[in-house]
Protein backbone atom coordinates (compact mmCIF):
# COMPACT_ATOMS: atom_id res chain seq x y z
CA MET A 1 59.77 114.59 139.29
CA LYS A 2 60.55 118.32 139.24
CA SER A 3 63.58 117.70 141.41
CA THR A 4 64.86 115.10 138.95
CA LEU A 5 64.38 117.45 136.00
CA LYS A 6 66.29 120.20 137.78
CA LYS A 7 69.20 117.83 138.31
CA LEU A 8 69.24 116.76 134.64
CA LEU A 9 68.78 120.27 133.21
CA PRO A 10 72.47 121.34 133.41
CA PHE A 11 73.51 118.25 131.41
CA ALA A 12 70.88 118.95 128.78
CA VAL A 13 72.09 122.54 128.45
CA VAL A 14 75.70 121.37 128.10
CA GLY A 15 74.61 118.96 125.37
CA VAL A 16 72.76 121.68 123.44
CA ILE A 17 75.59 124.20 123.69
CA SER A 18 78.22 121.62 122.74
CA GLY A 19 76.16 120.48 119.78
CA ALA A 20 75.80 124.05 118.55
CA THR A 21 79.47 124.95 118.85
CA THR A 22 81.22 121.70 118.03
CA VAL A 23 84.00 121.52 115.51
CA GLY A 24 86.05 118.96 113.76
CA ALA A 25 85.61 115.24 114.02
CA ILE A 26 87.13 112.71 111.74
CA GLN A 27 86.69 109.27 110.44
CA TYR A 28 88.65 106.92 108.43
CA PHE A 29 89.11 103.53 106.92
CA GLY A 30 92.68 102.11 107.16
CA HIS A 31 94.02 98.72 106.32
CA GLY A 32 97.07 96.83 107.47
CA SER A 33 99.94 95.69 105.34
CA ASN A 34 101.06 92.14 104.82
CA ASN A 35 104.69 93.22 105.06
CA GLY A 36 104.63 93.05 108.84
CA ASP A 37 105.16 95.88 111.26
CA GLN A 38 106.84 98.85 109.56
CA SER A 39 106.14 101.09 112.54
CA PHE A 40 108.43 103.90 113.61
CA PHE A 41 105.87 105.85 115.57
CA THR A 42 103.87 105.00 118.66
CA THR A 43 100.29 103.82 118.48
CA SER A 44 97.67 103.75 121.17
CA ALA A 45 96.04 100.68 122.65
CA PRO A 46 94.00 98.80 120.02
CA ASN A 47 90.73 98.87 121.95
CA THR A 48 90.40 102.60 122.36
CA SER A 49 87.09 103.78 123.80
CA PHE A 50 85.45 107.08 122.91
CA ALA A 51 83.15 109.43 124.79
CA GLY A 52 79.49 109.11 123.82
CA MET A 53 77.22 112.03 123.02
CA ASN A 54 75.42 111.76 126.39
CA THR A 55 78.50 111.44 128.59
CA GLY A 56 78.01 113.70 131.58
CA ALA A 57 81.74 114.18 132.14
CA VAL A 58 82.52 115.01 128.50
CA GLY A 59 83.68 118.51 129.51
CA ASP A 60 86.38 116.98 131.68
CA ASP A 61 87.37 114.69 128.80
CA PHE A 62 87.78 117.71 126.53
CA VAL A 63 90.04 119.42 129.07
CA LYS A 64 92.28 116.36 129.43
CA ALA A 65 92.48 115.86 125.68
CA ALA A 66 93.30 119.54 125.10
CA LYS A 67 96.07 119.50 127.73
CA THR A 68 97.59 116.46 126.03
CA THR A 69 97.29 117.78 122.50
CA VAL A 70 98.16 121.48 122.59
CA PRO A 71 101.89 121.05 123.49
CA ALA A 72 102.33 118.60 120.57
CA VAL A 73 100.80 120.84 117.89
CA VAL A 74 103.15 123.34 116.22
CA THR A 75 103.00 126.30 113.85
CA ILE A 76 104.77 125.81 110.50
CA LYS A 77 105.94 128.89 108.59
CA ASN A 78 106.60 128.46 104.88
CA TYR A 79 109.23 130.82 103.42
CA GLN A 80 109.57 131.12 99.65
CA SER A 81 111.70 133.26 97.37
CA ARG A 82 109.84 135.96 95.44
CA THR A 83 110.63 134.50 92.03
CA ALA A 84 110.86 130.75 92.50
CA SER A 85 107.36 130.02 93.69
CA ARG A 86 104.17 129.84 91.69
CA ALA A 87 102.37 128.17 94.61
CA THR A 88 102.20 130.93 97.19
CA GLU A 89 100.04 131.25 100.26
CA GLN A 90 97.01 132.43 98.34
CA ASP A 91 97.35 129.65 95.76
CA LEU A 92 97.37 127.03 98.51
CA PHE A 93 94.37 128.52 100.26
CA ASP A 94 92.54 128.71 96.93
CA TYR A 95 93.25 125.00 96.45
CA PHE A 96 92.11 123.83 99.85
CA PHE A 97 89.80 126.57 101.12
CA GLY A 98 88.49 128.39 98.03
CA ASP A 99 89.15 132.01 97.11
CA PRO A 100 87.42 134.20 99.73
CA PHE A 101 88.16 137.26 97.57
CA GLY A 102 85.72 136.32 94.80
CA GLY A 103 88.36 135.68 92.14
CA ARG A 104 90.55 138.58 93.20
CA GLY A 105 93.02 136.35 95.06
CA GLN A 106 95.65 136.33 92.31
CA GLN A 107 95.44 140.10 91.91
CA ARG A 108 95.77 140.60 95.66
CA GLN A 109 98.70 138.19 95.70
CA LYS A 110 100.65 140.24 93.15
CA GLN A 111 99.97 143.47 94.98
CA GLN A 112 100.86 142.13 98.44
CA GLN A 113 103.68 139.68 97.78
CA ALA A 114 105.50 138.81 100.99
CA PRO A 115 109.13 139.93 101.27
CA ASP A 116 111.82 137.26 101.55
CA ASN A 117 112.10 137.60 105.34
CA MET A 118 108.36 137.04 105.85
CA PRO A 119 106.57 133.68 105.55
CA SER A 120 104.50 133.19 102.41
CA GLY A 121 102.10 130.95 104.30
CA MET A 122 101.49 129.35 107.67
CA GLY A 123 99.93 126.09 108.78
CA SER A 124 100.08 123.55 111.55
CA GLY A 125 101.87 120.29 112.32
CA VAL A 126 101.82 117.50 114.89
CA ILE A 127 104.86 116.15 116.75
CA ILE A 128 104.71 112.35 116.52
CA SER A 129 107.96 111.34 118.23
CA PRO A 130 110.05 112.76 121.11
CA ASP A 131 113.06 113.22 118.79
CA GLY A 132 111.34 115.79 116.59
CA TYR A 133 109.45 114.11 113.73
CA ILE A 134 106.47 116.24 112.71
CA ILE A 135 103.58 115.33 110.41
CA SER A 136 101.74 117.98 108.39
CA ASN A 137 100.07 118.50 105.00
CA ASN A 138 101.94 118.55 101.71
CA HIS A 139 100.23 121.81 100.75
CA VAL A 140 101.51 123.47 103.97
CA VAL A 141 105.15 122.91 102.97
CA ALA A 142 104.86 123.07 99.16
CA GLY A 143 107.32 125.41 97.43
CA ALA A 144 109.26 126.27 100.57
CA ASN A 145 112.95 127.10 100.59
CA LYS A 146 112.86 127.36 104.38
CA LEU A 147 110.48 125.88 106.97
CA GLU A 148 110.30 127.28 110.49
CA VAL A 149 108.59 125.34 113.27
CA VAL A 150 107.32 127.18 116.35
CA LEU A 151 106.28 125.15 119.39
CA SER A 152 103.38 126.08 121.66
CA ASN A 153 105.97 127.44 124.13
CA LYS A 154 107.19 129.83 121.35
CA LYS A 155 110.52 128.07 120.90
CA SER A 156 111.53 128.14 117.22
CA TYR A 157 113.45 125.70 114.99
CA ILE A 158 114.43 125.43 111.33
CA ALA A 159 113.00 122.14 110.07
CA THR A 160 114.28 119.66 107.51
CA LEU A 161 111.69 118.39 105.03
CA VAL A 162 112.11 114.61 105.11
CA GLY A 163 109.54 113.90 102.40
CA THR A 164 106.10 114.60 101.01
CA ASP A 165 103.23 112.77 99.32
CA PRO A 166 100.87 114.91 97.21
CA ASN A 167 98.62 111.86 96.66
CA THR A 168 97.53 111.93 100.31
CA ASP A 169 98.52 115.55 101.10
CA ILE A 170 100.89 114.37 103.84
CA SER A 171 104.41 115.60 104.64
CA LEU A 172 107.06 114.64 107.21
CA LEU A 173 109.43 117.16 108.80
CA LYS A 174 112.22 116.86 111.37
CA ILE A 175 113.62 119.26 113.94
CA GLU A 176 116.72 118.59 116.02
CA GLU A 177 115.50 118.28 119.60
CA LYS A 178 114.89 115.59 122.21
CA GLY A 179 112.27 114.98 124.87
CA LEU A 180 109.47 116.72 122.95
CA PRO A 181 105.78 116.21 123.74
CA TYR A 182 104.13 114.08 121.07
CA LEU A 183 100.87 112.37 120.18
CA ASN A 184 100.16 108.67 119.75
CA PHE A 185 98.34 107.42 116.67
CA ALA A 186 94.92 105.94 117.39
CA ASN A 187 93.44 103.22 115.20
CA SER A 188 91.15 105.32 113.05
CA ASP A 189 89.28 102.19 111.95
CA ASN A 190 87.60 102.25 115.38
CA ILE A 191 85.89 105.61 114.84
CA ASP A 192 82.13 105.86 114.48
CA VAL A 193 80.03 108.67 113.07
CA GLY A 194 78.79 110.87 115.90
CA GLN A 195 81.81 110.47 118.18
CA TRP A 196 83.32 113.50 119.85
CA VAL A 197 86.64 114.82 118.58
CA LEU A 198 88.84 117.90 119.04
CA ALA A 199 90.59 119.88 116.30
CA VAL A 200 93.79 121.60 117.40
CA GLY A 201 95.78 124.00 115.24
CA ASN A 202 96.61 127.60 114.46
CA PRO A 203 93.73 129.05 112.41
CA LEU A 204 94.02 132.62 111.13
CA GLY A 205 97.11 133.21 113.27
CA LEU A 206 95.36 132.21 116.51
CA ASN A 207 97.92 129.83 118.02
CA SER A 208 96.94 126.69 119.93
CA THR A 209 93.24 126.91 119.17
CA VAL A 210 91.10 123.98 120.33
CA THR A 211 87.64 123.27 118.91
CA ALA A 212 85.27 120.36 119.51
CA GLY A 213 82.83 118.51 117.30
CA ILE A 214 81.73 115.16 115.99
CA VAL A 215 82.63 112.82 113.18
CA SER A 216 80.10 113.79 110.52
CA ALA A 217 80.90 111.06 107.96
CA LYS A 218 83.59 108.62 106.89
CA GLY A 219 85.21 107.78 103.58
CA ARG A 220 84.52 111.06 101.81
CA GLY A 221 86.04 111.61 98.37
CA ILE A 222 85.73 115.28 97.40
CA GLY A 223 88.05 115.39 94.38
CA ILE A 224 90.31 118.08 95.80
CA LEU A 225 93.68 116.32 95.58
CA GLY A 226 93.45 115.32 91.95
CA SER A 227 91.82 118.48 90.60
CA GLN A 228 93.61 121.09 92.71
CA GLY A 229 96.38 119.44 94.70
CA LYS A 230 98.33 118.12 91.67
CA ALA A 231 98.19 114.51 92.83
CA SER A 232 98.78 111.95 90.09
CA ASN A 233 97.11 109.06 91.93
CA PRO A 234 95.13 110.65 94.78
CA ILE A 235 93.85 108.70 97.76
CA GLU A 236 90.75 110.37 99.13
CA SER A 237 88.75 108.79 101.92
CA PHE A 238 88.52 111.75 104.26
CA ILE A 239 86.98 111.91 107.68
CA GLN A 240 84.29 114.59 107.45
CA THR A 241 83.79 116.76 110.50
CA ASP A 242 81.86 119.80 111.60
CA ALA A 243 85.02 121.14 113.22
CA ALA A 244 85.70 124.85 112.83
CA ILE A 245 88.68 124.45 110.52
CA ASN A 246 90.05 127.57 108.83
CA PRO A 247 93.21 128.63 106.95
CA GLY A 248 96.09 127.83 109.31
CA ASN A 249 94.45 124.66 110.66
CA SER A 250 95.92 122.59 107.82
CA GLY A 251 98.28 119.94 109.15
CA GLY A 252 96.87 120.18 112.66
CA ALA A 253 95.55 117.39 114.85
CA LEU A 254 92.16 115.77 115.02
CA VAL A 255 92.12 113.78 118.26
CA ASN A 256 89.74 111.65 120.30
CA THR A 257 88.84 112.42 123.90
CA ASN A 258 91.92 110.48 125.03
CA GLY A 259 94.11 112.96 123.18
CA GLU A 260 95.16 110.37 120.57
CA LEU A 261 95.64 111.30 116.92
CA ILE A 262 92.84 110.10 114.64
CA GLY A 263 93.42 112.42 111.68
CA ILE A 264 95.31 115.31 110.09
CA ASN A 265 93.06 118.26 109.26
CA SER A 266 93.43 119.12 105.59
CA ALA A 267 90.59 121.01 103.94
CA ILE A 268 87.14 122.53 104.21
CA GLN A 269 84.27 122.81 101.78
CA SER A 270 83.15 126.41 101.70
CA THR A 271 81.77 129.12 99.44
CA THR A 272 83.66 131.83 101.33
CA GLY A 273 87.03 130.21 102.04
CA TYR A 274 86.22 130.01 105.76
CA TYR A 275 84.41 127.61 108.09
CA GLN A 276 80.91 126.58 107.05
CA GLY A 277 80.68 123.27 108.87
CA TYR A 278 82.33 120.87 106.41
CA GLY A 279 85.88 119.93 107.32
CA PHE A 280 87.97 117.01 106.08
CA ALA A 281 90.89 115.16 107.65
CA VAL A 282 93.28 112.46 106.43
CA PRO A 283 92.66 109.34 108.58
CA ALA A 284 95.42 108.51 111.05
CA ASN A 285 96.02 104.99 109.74
CA LEU A 286 96.74 106.26 106.24
CA ALA A 287 98.85 109.20 107.49
CA ARG A 288 100.89 106.86 109.68
CA LYS A 289 101.61 104.49 106.77
CA ILE A 290 102.81 107.40 104.60
CA VAL A 291 105.24 108.82 107.17
CA GLU A 292 106.58 105.36 107.99
CA ASP A 293 107.32 104.81 104.29
CA ILE A 294 109.03 108.19 103.99
CA LYS A 295 111.16 107.60 107.06
CA LYS A 296 112.23 104.05 106.23
CA PHE A 297 112.46 104.10 102.42
CA GLY A 298 112.71 107.81 101.55
CA ILE A 299 109.70 107.44 99.24
CA VAL A 300 106.11 106.28 99.55
CA GLN A 301 105.56 102.60 98.75
CA ARG A 302 102.31 102.49 96.79
CA GLY A 303 100.57 99.30 95.71
CA PHE A 304 98.26 99.29 92.67
CA LEU A 305 95.50 96.90 91.67
CA GLY A 306 96.06 97.72 87.99
CA VAL A 307 92.50 98.48 86.87
CA SER A 308 90.70 101.41 85.32
CA SER A 309 87.26 101.73 86.83
CA LEU A 310 83.85 103.35 87.01
CA ASP A 311 82.31 104.39 90.34
CA LEU A 312 78.81 102.90 90.20
CA SER A 313 77.68 105.09 93.10
CA ASN A 314 78.21 108.22 90.97
CA ASP A 315 75.11 108.61 88.80
CA GLN A 316 76.66 111.30 86.61
CA GLN A 317 79.75 109.21 85.86
CA VAL A 318 77.60 106.21 84.98
CA GLN A 319 75.37 108.27 82.68
CA ALA A 320 78.39 109.81 80.95
CA TYR A 321 80.01 106.39 80.50
CA ASN A 322 76.81 104.91 79.06
CA LYS A 323 76.47 107.80 76.64
CA GLN A 324 80.08 107.61 75.49
CA PHE A 325 80.28 103.85 75.06
CA LYS A 326 76.59 103.16 74.32
CA THR A 327 76.23 100.82 77.31
CA THR A 328 73.36 100.29 79.76
CA ILE A 329 75.25 99.98 83.05
CA LYS A 330 73.07 100.69 86.09
CA SER A 331 74.08 102.85 89.03
CA GLY A 332 74.49 101.12 92.37
CA SER A 333 77.16 100.03 94.80
CA GLY A 334 80.68 98.93 93.91
CA VAL A 335 83.36 99.69 91.33
CA TYR A 336 82.97 98.52 87.71
CA VAL A 337 86.15 97.39 85.94
CA THR A 338 86.48 99.18 82.59
CA GLY A 339 89.99 98.02 81.68
CA PHE A 340 93.49 97.17 82.85
CA GLY A 341 96.86 98.88 82.94
CA ASP A 342 100.18 97.43 81.88
CA ASN A 343 101.51 94.68 84.18
CA SER A 344 98.15 94.47 85.95
CA GLY A 345 98.05 92.19 88.97
CA ALA A 346 94.25 92.16 88.83
CA GLU A 347 94.19 90.97 85.22
CA ASP A 348 96.78 88.26 85.96
CA ALA A 349 94.58 87.12 88.87
CA GLY A 350 91.61 86.56 86.54
CA LEU A 351 89.53 89.73 86.75
CA LYS A 352 87.83 90.80 83.52
CA LYS A 353 86.30 93.93 82.07
CA GLY A 354 82.74 94.23 83.35
CA ASP A 355 83.42 92.73 86.78
CA VAL A 356 82.10 94.72 89.75
CA ILE A 357 84.49 94.87 92.72
CA THR A 358 82.46 94.64 95.94
CA LYS A 359 85.03 93.83 98.63
CA ILE A 360 88.78 94.04 99.33
CA ASP A 361 89.68 91.53 102.04
CA ASN A 362 86.87 92.07 104.57
CA TYR A 363 86.27 95.68 103.60
CA GLU A 364 83.09 96.53 101.70
CA ILE A 365 83.66 98.54 98.51
CA THR A 366 80.70 100.84 97.87
CA ASP A 367 82.46 103.54 95.84
CA PHE A 368 85.83 104.61 94.44
CA ALA A 369 86.89 106.26 97.73
CA ASP A 370 86.61 102.87 99.44
CA LEU A 371 88.70 101.19 96.73
CA SER A 372 91.26 104.01 96.77
CA MET A 373 91.77 103.70 100.53
CA SER A 374 91.79 99.91 100.73
CA ILE A 375 94.44 99.56 98.00
CA GLY A 376 96.36 102.82 98.40
CA SER A 377 97.20 102.10 102.03
CA LYS A 378 99.13 98.96 101.01
CA ARG A 379 102.57 98.35 99.53
CA PRO A 380 103.84 96.55 96.42
CA GLY A 381 103.99 92.81 97.07
CA ASP A 382 101.03 92.84 99.45
CA LYS A 383 98.29 90.34 98.59
CA VAL A 384 94.61 91.21 98.83
CA GLN A 385 91.48 89.12 98.45
CA VAL A 386 89.27 90.75 95.82
CA THR A 387 85.58 89.84 95.85
CA TYR A 388 83.76 90.67 92.63
CA SER A 389 80.46 90.08 90.86
CA ARG A 390 80.40 88.65 87.32
CA ASN A 391 77.10 88.02 85.55
CA GLY A 392 75.31 88.05 88.88
CA LYS A 393 77.62 85.51 90.51
CA GLU A 394 80.09 86.37 93.28
CA ALA A 395 83.69 85.16 93.22
CA THR A 396 86.95 85.89 95.06
CA THR A 397 90.53 85.91 93.84
CA SER A 398 93.91 86.75 95.36
CA VAL A 399 95.73 89.70 93.75
CA THR A 400 99.38 90.61 94.33
CA LEU A 401 99.70 94.40 94.23
CA ARG A 402 102.41 95.98 92.07
CA ASP A 403 103.98 99.39 91.70
CA GLN A 404 103.41 101.49 88.59
CA LYS A 405 106.31 99.81 86.83
CA GLY A 406 105.03 96.31 87.59
CA GLY A 407 107.40 95.58 90.49
CA THR A 408 106.36 93.71 93.61
CA SER A 409 109.16 94.78 95.96
CA THR A 410 109.77 97.96 97.90
CA ARG A 411 112.21 100.53 96.52
CA THR A 412 114.40 103.27 97.97
CA LYS A 413 115.50 106.59 96.47
CA ALA A 414 118.57 104.86 95.05
CA ASP A 415 116.30 102.66 92.93
CA LEU A 416 114.51 105.58 91.28
CA SER A 417 115.01 106.57 87.67
CA VAL A 418 116.32 110.03 86.78
CA THR A 419 112.86 111.31 85.88
CA GLU A 420 111.46 110.02 89.19
CA LYS A 421 114.28 111.68 91.12
CA ILE A 422 113.82 115.10 89.52
CA GLY A 423 110.04 114.86 89.35
CA ALA A 424 109.21 115.29 85.66
CA GLU A 425 108.95 113.54 82.31
CA PHE A 426 109.81 114.96 78.88
CA ASP A 427 108.59 114.81 75.28
CA PRO A 428 110.75 115.86 72.29
CA LEU A 429 109.93 119.04 70.40
CA THR A 430 109.06 118.73 66.73
CA GLU A 431 111.51 120.12 64.19
CA ARG A 432 108.77 122.46 62.97
CA PHE A 433 108.37 123.90 66.47
CA LYS A 434 112.13 124.40 66.81
CA THR A 435 112.23 126.21 63.47
CA GLU A 436 109.25 128.47 64.25
CA TYR A 437 110.70 129.53 67.61
CA GLY A 438 114.36 129.60 66.65
CA LEU A 439 115.44 126.76 68.95
CA ASN A 440 118.26 124.34 68.27
CA SER A 441 117.24 121.95 71.03
CA GLY A 442 114.52 121.35 73.57
CA VAL A 443 112.07 119.01 75.28
CA VAL A 444 108.66 119.85 76.69
CA THR A 445 107.88 118.97 80.31
CA LYS A 446 104.96 116.78 81.37
CA ASN A 447 103.77 115.12 84.59
CA VAL A 448 105.77 117.58 86.72
CA SER A 449 105.44 116.29 90.29
CA GLU A 450 104.33 118.56 93.11
CA GLY A 451 107.30 118.92 95.45
CA GLY A 452 109.78 117.53 92.88
CA GLU A 453 113.08 119.20 92.02
CA MET A 454 111.76 120.64 88.76
CA ALA A 455 108.69 122.05 90.47
CA LYS A 456 110.84 123.63 93.18
CA ILE A 457 112.62 125.84 90.62
CA GLY A 458 109.32 126.95 89.10
CA ILE A 459 108.96 124.53 86.20
CA VAL A 460 105.46 123.26 85.39
CA ASP A 461 103.92 121.20 82.58
CA ASN A 462 104.54 122.43 79.01
CA TYR A 463 107.69 124.43 79.78
CA ILE A 464 110.60 123.85 77.40
CA ILE A 465 113.93 122.57 78.75
CA ILE A 466 116.73 123.66 76.40
CA GLU A 467 119.88 122.60 78.24
CA ILE A 468 120.91 120.54 81.27
CA ASN A 469 124.34 121.36 82.74
CA GLY A 470 125.14 123.34 79.59
CA LYS A 471 124.39 120.43 77.26
CA PRO A 472 121.52 120.60 74.73
CA VAL A 473 118.73 118.06 75.24
CA ASN A 474 116.31 116.73 72.60
CA SER A 475 114.78 113.72 74.34
CA GLN A 476 114.12 112.25 77.74
CA LYS A 477 116.95 109.81 77.03
CA ASP A 478 119.36 112.77 76.74
CA ILE A 479 118.40 114.01 80.20
CA GLU A 480 118.70 110.52 81.70
CA SER A 481 122.14 110.12 80.13
CA ILE A 482 123.40 113.44 81.54
CA LEU A 483 122.06 112.88 85.07
CA SER A 484 122.06 109.07 85.52
CA LYS A 485 125.20 108.94 87.66
CA TYR A 486 125.58 112.64 88.30
CA GLN A 487 125.97 114.05 91.80
CA GLY A 488 126.09 117.73 92.61
CA ASN A 489 124.35 120.88 91.41
CA VAL A 490 122.21 120.66 88.28
CA GLN A 491 121.84 123.68 85.98
CA VAL A 492 118.61 123.89 83.98
CA LYS A 493 118.02 126.35 81.13
CA PHE A 494 114.31 126.58 80.28
CA VAL A 495 111.59 128.68 78.67
CA ASP A 496 108.21 129.36 80.31
CA ASP A 497 104.84 129.57 78.56
CA TYR A 498 105.34 133.33 77.96
CA GLY A 499 108.62 132.75 76.10
CA ARG A 500 110.80 134.03 78.95
CA MET A 501 114.10 132.23 79.40
CA TYR A 502 115.55 131.28 82.81
CA THR A 503 118.56 129.46 84.18
CA LYS A 504 118.05 127.87 87.58
CA GLY A 505 119.34 124.87 89.47
CA PHE A 506 118.95 122.27 92.17
CA LYS A 507 121.09 119.68 93.92
CA MET A 508 120.71 116.23 92.40
CA PRO A 509 118.86 114.05 94.94
């Protein structure tokens, strides 16, 4: 008996040490599209197996996975001009990691602004094809006028930003090279809580850092993209992990013990701005769909159910709704339909206010994060089977998803309106406002998109646009008329919220 215990003791010690030091696992729910295979990037075998918590050879698995992953994970340096960017390194870390300086981050930022030849921020990225496509976070590349990619072998490239999606915090970059090491996408639907994973990135300037941990939870919605990441229609169903993720890890890889990509590390929950055991990653299936859309169409193809809703799993939301509308809705599982948008596919399919959505296709809907993932990972024109409860009876209907304008077909950049292309909408100024501030023309900006052309030149919501290409503008229609068929450089004269006037420009996309 003693002899047996002595033989087992080393494995027990390894298990205890690994459990105490583990970092970063992820989990995710992804769903296929009815449009057929849109794949541009390699996936792993569908029946991927994972190392269990008691696996004696797990140390060897970690070594193999690390050797596969490290060469495919890169450093991304974000360079910004001193004047054009409001979203600097500290802003981004405040968004996704909290302000470790106790509210002094903005003051420190002004005092220690990086010169033009120094990066304003750094993050990580993952090579996903041998010809140089790289996936990262949107917040890693936001506001950049130059992006430098440094491989694990220290070779450096200037990258082209192919596209971004603030709603999932995913971006796609490209460097001109061939024969690069890259990672395959795993099917993140196959992940279970408790499985071993590795997080690989460049935290705090420590290049090619590998940490190990488990998947702590799946389908987490933490509200970070909508409240801090400037996403208009955020999709949050993060894989939660106890990986040691810190500033610089953003955009890095979360992999299984086969070295296959199961998530993109994005954020941590922390009171200090540094690792406290709660990390979050975008599931691989969702990330893959986003980059495939960007590569093929130039924009993300997003399907919408067309409902406004109440998350029944959120007690506070339910209580607030009951108080506001004098209802007696009970907390529980599922998503309660409170209304419908214009051109709603769900309403056309027979759903009504008061229905409780419980399933999309074969996927159980317990909260809004589940609904967000199951619908947001599909494209306009896709059909889904929606199971709902009405007056205690269950029913199912087929809903054709639409885009925000009611369309059911995919679009390219050429199909976008002027406001979509430049990333902002506009309201006219009142005559009284013009008189009080001595303006002869002007529109006020709204819904300025993160990563859009207007945002890139420093314009945010509630700025006043006075002229476009030297012509006065008084309505959104004026701007659309000036730029509808225009190609070339666009000159924008605008006033910020302090009354300072600027003239800046961008190339019409």
